[in-house]
């Protein structure tokens, strides 16, 4: 098992069930994107969401 897999295994035993479920879903999405050779698309969506989040934030004055 890789160090990353060991770390994930350890964390999944420590986190709340809700957090574990969300992490498992995100990891599944990453695996599916990698299998489809579509990681660049996932990055683009993440950056797009970050920009949208910034636009939604109230302007600091």
PDB file of N, CA and C in Angstrom:
ATOM      1  N   UNK A   1       0.857  -1.175   0.000  1.00  0.00           N
ATOM      2  CA  UNK A   1       0.000   0.000   0.000  1.00  0.00           C
ATOM      3  C   UNK A   1       0.902   1.237   0.000  1.00  0.00           C
ATOM      4  N   UNK A   2       0.540   2.226  -0.788  1.00  0.00           N
ATOM      5  CA  UNK A   2       1.334   3.453  -0.849  1.00  0.00           C
ATOM      6  C   UNK A   2       1.119   4.286   0.412  1.00  0.00           C
ATOM      7  N   UNK A   3       2.011   5.236   0.623  1.00  0.00           N
ATOM      8  CA  UNK A   3       1.887   6.127   1.785  1.00  0.00           C
ATOM      9  C   UNK A   3       0.572   6.903   1.722  1.00  0.00           C
ATOM     10  N   UNK A   4       0.180   7.301   0.530  1.00  0.00           N
ATOM     11  CA  UNK A   4      -1.079   8.039   0.374  1.00  0.00           C
ATOM     12  C   UNK A   4      -2.275   7.158   0.739  1.00  0.00           C
ATOM     13  N   UNK A   5      -2.265   5.923   0.277  1.00  0.00           N
ATOM     14  CA  UNK A   5      -3.364   5.003   0.601  1.00  0.00           C
ATOM     15  C   UNK A   5      -3.421   4.736   2.100  1.00  0.00           C
ATOM     16  N   UNK A   6      -2.259   4.595   2.720  1.00  0.00           N
ATOM     17  CA  UNK A   6      -2.215   4.383   4.170  1.00  0.00           C
ATOM     18  C   UNK A   6      -2.760   5.596   4.916  1.00  0.00           C
ATOM     19  N   UNK A   7      -2.395   6.791   4.459  1.00  0.00           N
ATOM     20  CA  UNK A   7      -2.882   8.016   5.102  1.00  0.00           C
ATOM     21  C   UNK A   7      -4.400   8.127   4.966  1.00  0.00           C
ATOM     22  N   UNK A   8      -4.907   7.850   3.770  1.00  0.00           N
ATOM     23  CA  UNK A   8      -6.353   7.902   3.551  1.00  0.00           C
ATOM     24  C   UNK A   8      -7.059   6.881   4.432  1.00  0.00           C
ATOM     25  N   UNK A   9      -6.524   5.680   4.511  1.00  0.00           N
ATOM     26  CA  UNK A   9      -7.118   4.637   5.353  1.00  0.00           C
ATOM     27  C   UNK A   9      -7.176   5.081   6.813  1.00  0.00           C
ATOM     28  N   UNK A  10      -6.093   5.667   7.291  1.00  0.00           N
ATOM     29  CA  UNK A  10      -6.037   6.144   8.681  1.00  0.00           C
ATOM     30  C   UNK A  10      -7.065   7.248   8.918  1.00  0.00           C
ATOM     31  N   UNK A  11      -7.120   8.205   7.994  1.00  0.00           N
ATOM     32  CA  UNK A  11      -8.045   9.328   8.143  1.00  0.00           C
ATOM     33  C   UNK A  11      -9.502   8.864   8.093  1.00  0.00           C
ATOM     34  N   UNK A  12      -9.815   7.909   7.233  1.00  0.00           N
ATOM     35  CA  UNK A  12     -11.187   7.420   7.136  1.00  0.00           C
ATOM     36  C   UNK A  12     -11.650   6.781   8.448  1.00  0.00           C
ATOM     37  N   UNK A  13     -10.712   6.261   9.222  1.00  0.00           N
ATOM     38  CA  UNK A  13     -11.062   5.690  10.530  1.00  0.00           C
ATOM     39  C   UNK A  13     -11.215   6.766  11.599  1.00  0.00           C
ATOM     40  N   UNK A  14     -10.708   7.982  11.336  1.00  0.00           N
ATOM     41  CA  UNK A  14     -10.749   9.063  12.326  1.00  0.00           C
ATOM     42  C   UNK A  14     -11.912  10.027  12.098  1.00  0.00           C
ATOM     43  N   UNK A  15     -12.262  10.266  10.854  1.00  0.00           N
ATOM     44  CA  UNK A  15     -13.273  11.259  10.532  1.00  0.00           C
ATOM     45  C   UNK A  15     -14.678  10.788  10.883  1.00  0.00           C
ATOM     46  N   UNK A  16     -15.591  11.747  10.912  1.00  0.00           N
ATOM     47  CA  UNK A  16     -17.000  11.422  11.139  1.00  0.00           C
ATOM     48  C   UNK A  16     -17.530  10.670   9.910  1.00  0.00           C
ATOM     49  N   UNK A  17     -18.598   9.907  10.084  1.00  0.00           N
ATOM     50  CA  UNK A  17     -19.170   9.195   8.935  1.00  0.00           C
ATOM     51  C   UNK A  17     -19.542  10.133   7.784  1.00  0.00           C
ATOM     52  N   UNK A  18     -20.034  11.306   8.113  1.00  0.00           N
ATOM     53  CA  UNK A  18     -20.410  12.269   7.063  1.00  0.00           C
ATOM     54  C   UNK A  18     -19.186  12.703   6.253  1.00  0.00           C
ATOM     55  N   UNK A  19     -18.096  13.032   6.954  1.00  0.00           N
ATOM     56  CA  UNK A  19     -16.867  13.440   6.271  1.00  0.00           C
ATOM     57  C   UNK A  19     -16.326  12.288   5.435  1.00  0.00           C
ATOM     58  N   UNK A  20     -16.331  11.085   5.992  1.00  0.00           N
ATOM     59  CA  UNK A  20     -15.855   9.907   5.252  1.00  0.00           C
ATOM     60  C   UNK A  20     -16.637   9.719   3.959  1.00  0.00           C
ATOM     61  N   UNK A  21     -17.943   9.845   4.058  1.00  0.00           N
ATOM     62  CA  UNK A  21     -18.795   9.660   2.880  1.00  0.00           C
ATOM     63  C   UNK A  21     -18.450  10.681   1.794  1.00  0.00           C
ATOM     64  N   UNK A  22     -18.278  11.936   2.194  1.00  0.00           N
ATOM     65  CA  UNK A  22     -17.959  12.979   1.215  1.00  0.00           C
ATOM     66  C   UNK A  22     -16.585  12.746   0.590  1.00  0.00           C
ATOM     67  N   UNK A  23     -15.601  12.380   1.403  1.00  0.00           N
ATOM     68  CA  UNK A  23     -14.257  12.112   0.882  1.00  0.00           C
ATOM     69  C   UNK A  23     -14.304  10.931  -0.084  1.00  0.00           C
ATOM     70  N   UNK A  24     -15.018   9.876   0.285  1.00  0.00           N
ATOM     71  CA  UNK A  24     -15.124   8.709  -0.591  1.00  0.00           C
ATOM     72  C   UNK A  24     -15.745   9.083  -1.932  1.00  0.00           C
ATOM     73  N   UNK A  25     -16.774   9.928  -1.909  1.00  0.00           N
ATOM     74  CA  UNK A  25     -17.399  10.367  -3.162  1.00  0.00           C
ATOM     75  C   UNK A  25     -16.418  11.144  -4.027  1.00  0.00           C
ATOM     76  N   UNK A  26     -15.662  12.036  -3.403  1.00  0.00           N
ATOM     77  CA  UNK A  26     -14.705  12.846  -4.175  1.00  0.00           C
ATOM     78  C   UNK A  26     -13.580  11.992  -4.746  1.00  0.00           C
ATOM     79  N   UNK A  27     -13.107  11.034  -3.966  1.00  0.00           N
ATOM     80  CA  UNK A  27     -12.052  10.142  -4.453  1.00  0.00           C
ATOM     81  C   UNK A  27     -12.580   9.315  -5.625  1.00  0.00           C
ATOM     82  N   UNK A  28     -13.812   8.824  -5.514  1.00  0.00           N
ATOM     83  CA  UNK A  28     -14.429   8.083  -6.621  1.00  0.00           C
ATOM     84  C   UNK A  28     -14.488   8.939  -7.882  1.00  0.00           C
ATOM     85  N   UNK A  29     -14.879  10.206  -7.733  1.00  0.00           N
ATOM     86  CA  UNK A  29     -14.946  11.110  -8.883  1.00  0.00           C
ATOM     87  C   UNK A  29     -13.570  11.294  -9.512  1.00  0.00           C
ATOM     88  N   UNK A  30     -12.542  11.439  -8.678  1.00  0.00           N
ATOM     89  CA  UNK A  30     -11.180  11.591  -9.199  1.00  0.00           C
ATOM     90  C   UNK A  30     -10.731  10.341  -9.945  1.00  0.00           C
ATOM     91  N   UNK A  31     -11.032   9.176  -9.388  1.00  0.00           N
ATOM     92  CA  UNK A  31     -10.659   7.919 -10.043  1.00  0.00           C
ATOM     93  C   UNK A  31     -11.357   7.803 -11.394  1.00  0.00           C
ATOM     94  N   UNK A  32     -12.649   8.115 -11.427  1.00  0.00           N
ATOM     95  CA  UNK A  32     -13.393   8.056 -12.686  1.00  0.00           C
ATOM     96  C   UNK A  32     -12.829   9.041 -13.706  1.00  0.00           C
ATOM     97  N   UNK A  33     -12.479  10.246 -13.265  1.00  0.00           N
ATOM     98  CA  UNK A  33     -11.891  11.236 -14.175  1.00  0.00           C
ATOM     99  C   UNK A  33     -10.543  10.765 -14.695  1.00  0.00           C
ATOM    100  N   UNK A  34      -9.739  10.190 -13.816  1.00  0.00           N
ATOM    101  CA  UNK A  34      -8.426   9.689 -14.234  1.00  0.00           C
ATOM    102  C   UNK A  34      -8.579   8.543 -15.227  1.00  0.00           C
ATOM    103  N   UNK A  35      -9.528   7.636 -14.964  1.00  0.00           N
ATOM    104  CA  UNK A  35      -9.767   6.522 -15.883  1.00  0.00           C
ATOM    105  C   UNK A  35     -10.217   7.014 -17.255  1.00  0.00           C
ATOM    106  N   UNK A  36     -10.936   8.126 -17.278  1.00  0.00           N
ATOM    107  CA  UNK A  36     -11.424   8.691 -18.538  1.00  0.00           C
ATOM    108  C   UNK A  36     -10.431   9.691 -19.130  1.00  0.00           C
ATOM    109  N   UNK A  37      -9.256   9.800 -18.497  1.00  0.00           N
ATOM    110  CA  UNK A  37      -8.229  10.750 -18.934  1.00  0.00           C
ATOM    111  C   UNK A  37      -8.805  12.162 -19.016  1.00  0.00           C
ATOM    112  N   UNK A  38      -9.584  12.537 -17.978  1.00  0.00           N
ATOM    113  CA  UNK A  38     -10.279  13.827 -17.982  1.00  0.00           C
ATOM    114  C   UNK A  38      -9.930  14.673 -16.765  1.00  0.00           C
ATOM    115  N   UNK A  39      -8.743  14.499 -16.208  1.00  0.00           N
ATOM    116  CA  UNK A  39      -8.372  15.280 -15.027  1.00  0.00           C
ATOM    117  C   UNK A  39      -8.264  16.764 -15.331  1.00  0.00           C
ATOM    118  N   UNK A  40      -7.847  17.114 -16.549  1.00  0.00           N
ATOM    119  CA  UNK A  40      -7.764  18.534 -16.912  1.00  0.00           C
ATOM    120  C   UNK A  40      -9.133  19.191 -16.839  1.00  0.00           C
ATOM    121  N   UNK A  41     -10.159  18.479 -17.237  1.00  0.00           N
ATOM    122  CA  UNK A  41     -11.520  19.004 -17.173  1.00  0.00           C
ATOM    123  C   UNK A  41     -11.932  19.226 -15.724  1.00  0.00           C
ATOM    124  N   UNK A  42     -11.573  18.307 -14.844  1.00  0.00           N
ATOM    125  CA  UNK A  42     -11.910  18.455 -13.420  1.00  0.00           C
ATOM    126  C   UNK A  42     -11.220  19.682 -12.840  1.00  0.00           C
ATOM    127  N   UNK A  43      -9.977  19.916 -13.225  1.00  0.00           N
ATOM    128  CA  UNK A  43      -9.262  21.099 -12.746  1.00  0.00           C
ATOM    129  C   UNK A  43      -9.953  22.366 -13.231  1.00  0.00           C
ATOM    130  N   UNK A  44     -10.380  22.365 -14.479  1.00  0.00           N
ATOM    131  CA  UNK A  44     -11.062  23.534 -15.034  1.00  0.00           C
ATOM    132  C   UNK A  44     -12.338  23.831 -14.265  1.00  0.00           C
ATOM    133  N   UNK A  45     -13.081  22.804 -13.922  1.00  0.00           N
ATOM    134  CA  UNK A  45     -14.315  23.007 -13.161  1.00  0.00           C
ATOM    135  C   UNK A  45     -14.014  23.561 -11.776  1.00  0.00           C
ATOM    136  N   UNK A  46     -12.940  23.066 -11.161  1.00  0.00           N
ATOM    137  CA  UNK A  46     -12.575  23.541  -9.827  1.00  0.00           C
ATOM    138  C   UNK A  46     -12.207  25.018  -9.872  1.00  0.00           C
ATOM    139  N   UNK A  47     -11.415  25.408 -10.851  1.00  0.00           N
ATOM    140  CA  UNK A  47     -11.017  26.809 -10.988  1.00  0.00           C
ATOM    141  C   UNK A  47     -12.240  27.671 -11.272  1.00  0.00           C
ATOM    142  N   UNK A  48     -13.127  27.189 -12.128  1.00  0.00           N
ATOM    143  CA  UNK A  48     -14.352  27.932 -12.425  1.00  0.00           C
ATOM    144  C   UNK A  48     -15.168  28.142 -11.149  1.00  0.00           C
ATOM    145  N   UNK A  49     -15.279  27.117 -10.318  1.00  0.00           N
ATOM    146  CA  UNK A  49     -16.041  27.247  -9.076  1.00  0.00           C
ATOM    147  C   UNK A  49     -15.366  28.222  -8.124  1.00  0.00           C
ATOM    148  N   UNK A  50     -14.034  28.209  -8.070  1.00  0.00           N
ATOM    149  CA  UNK A  50     -13.318  29.153  -7.210  1.00  0.00           C
ATOM    150  C   UNK A  50     -13.602  30.593  -7.639  1.00  0.00           C
ATOM    151  N   UNK A  51     -13.617  30.839  -8.934  1.00  0.00           N
ATOM    152  CA  UNK A  51     -13.911  32.183  -9.441  1.00  0.00           C
ATOM    153  C   UNK A  51     -15.342  32.576  -9.090  1.00  0.00           C
ATOM    154  N   UNK A  52     -16.284  31.655  -9.284  1.00  0.00           N
ATOM    155  CA  UNK A  52     -17.677  31.949  -8.940  1.00  0.00           C
ATOM    156  C   UNK A  52     -17.827  32.241  -7.451  1.00  0.00           C
ATOM    157  N   UNK A  53     -17.113  31.490  -6.621  1.00  0.00           N
ATOM    158  CA  UNK A  53     -17.161  31.730  -5.176  1.00  0.00           C
ATOM    159  C   UNK A  53     -16.624  33.117  -4.838  1.00  0.00           C
ATOM    160  N   UNK A  54     -15.539  33.512  -5.499  1.00  0.00           N
ATOM    161  CA  UNK A  54     -14.976  34.844  -5.261  1.00  0.00           C
ATOM    162  C   UNK A  54     -15.954  35.938  -5.675  1.00  0.00           C
ATOM    163  N   UNK A  55     -16.635  35.732  -6.782  1.00  0.00           N
ATOM    164  CA  UNK A  55     -17.608  36.722  -7.246  1.00  0.00           C
ATOM    165  C   UNK A  55     -18.806  36.824  -6.306  1.00  0.00           C
ATOM    166  N   UNK A  56     -19.137  35.731  -5.648  1.00  0.00           N
ATOM    167  CA  UNK A  56     -20.271  35.722  -4.716  1.00  0.00           C
ATOM    168  C   UNK A  56     -19.950  36.367  -3.378  1.00  0.00           C
ATOM    169  N   UNK A  57     -18.659  36.477  -3.046  1.00  0.00           N
ATOM    170  CA  UNK A  57     -18.280  37.058  -1.757  1.00  0.00           C
ATOM    171  C   UNK A  57     -18.611  38.546  -1.736  1.00  0.00           C
ATOM    172  N   UNK A  58     -19.079  39.041  -0.583  1.00  0.00           N
ATOM    173  CA  UNK A  58     -19.334  40.485  -0.491  1.00  0.00           C
ATOM    174  C   UNK A  58     -18.022  41.259  -0.604  1.00  0.00           C
ATOM    175  N   UNK A  59     -18.093  42.401  -1.248  1.00  0.00           N
ATOM    176  CA  UNK A  59     -16.899  43.236  -1.411  1.00  0.00           C
ATOM    177  C   UNK A  59     -16.478  43.793  -0.060  1.00  0.00           C
ATOM    178  N   UNK A  60     -15.191  43.696   0.243  1.00  0.00           N
ATOM    179  CA  UNK A  60     -14.704  44.267   1.509  1.00  0.00           C
ATOM    180  C   UNK A  60     -14.470  45.758   1.317  1.00  0.00           C
ATOM    181  N   UNK A  61     -14.867  46.513   2.301  1.00  0.00           N
ATOM    182  CA  UNK A  61     -14.764  47.973   2.193  1.00  0.00           C
ATOM    183  C   UNK A  61     -13.963  48.524   3.317  1.00  0.00           C
TER     184      UNK A  61
END
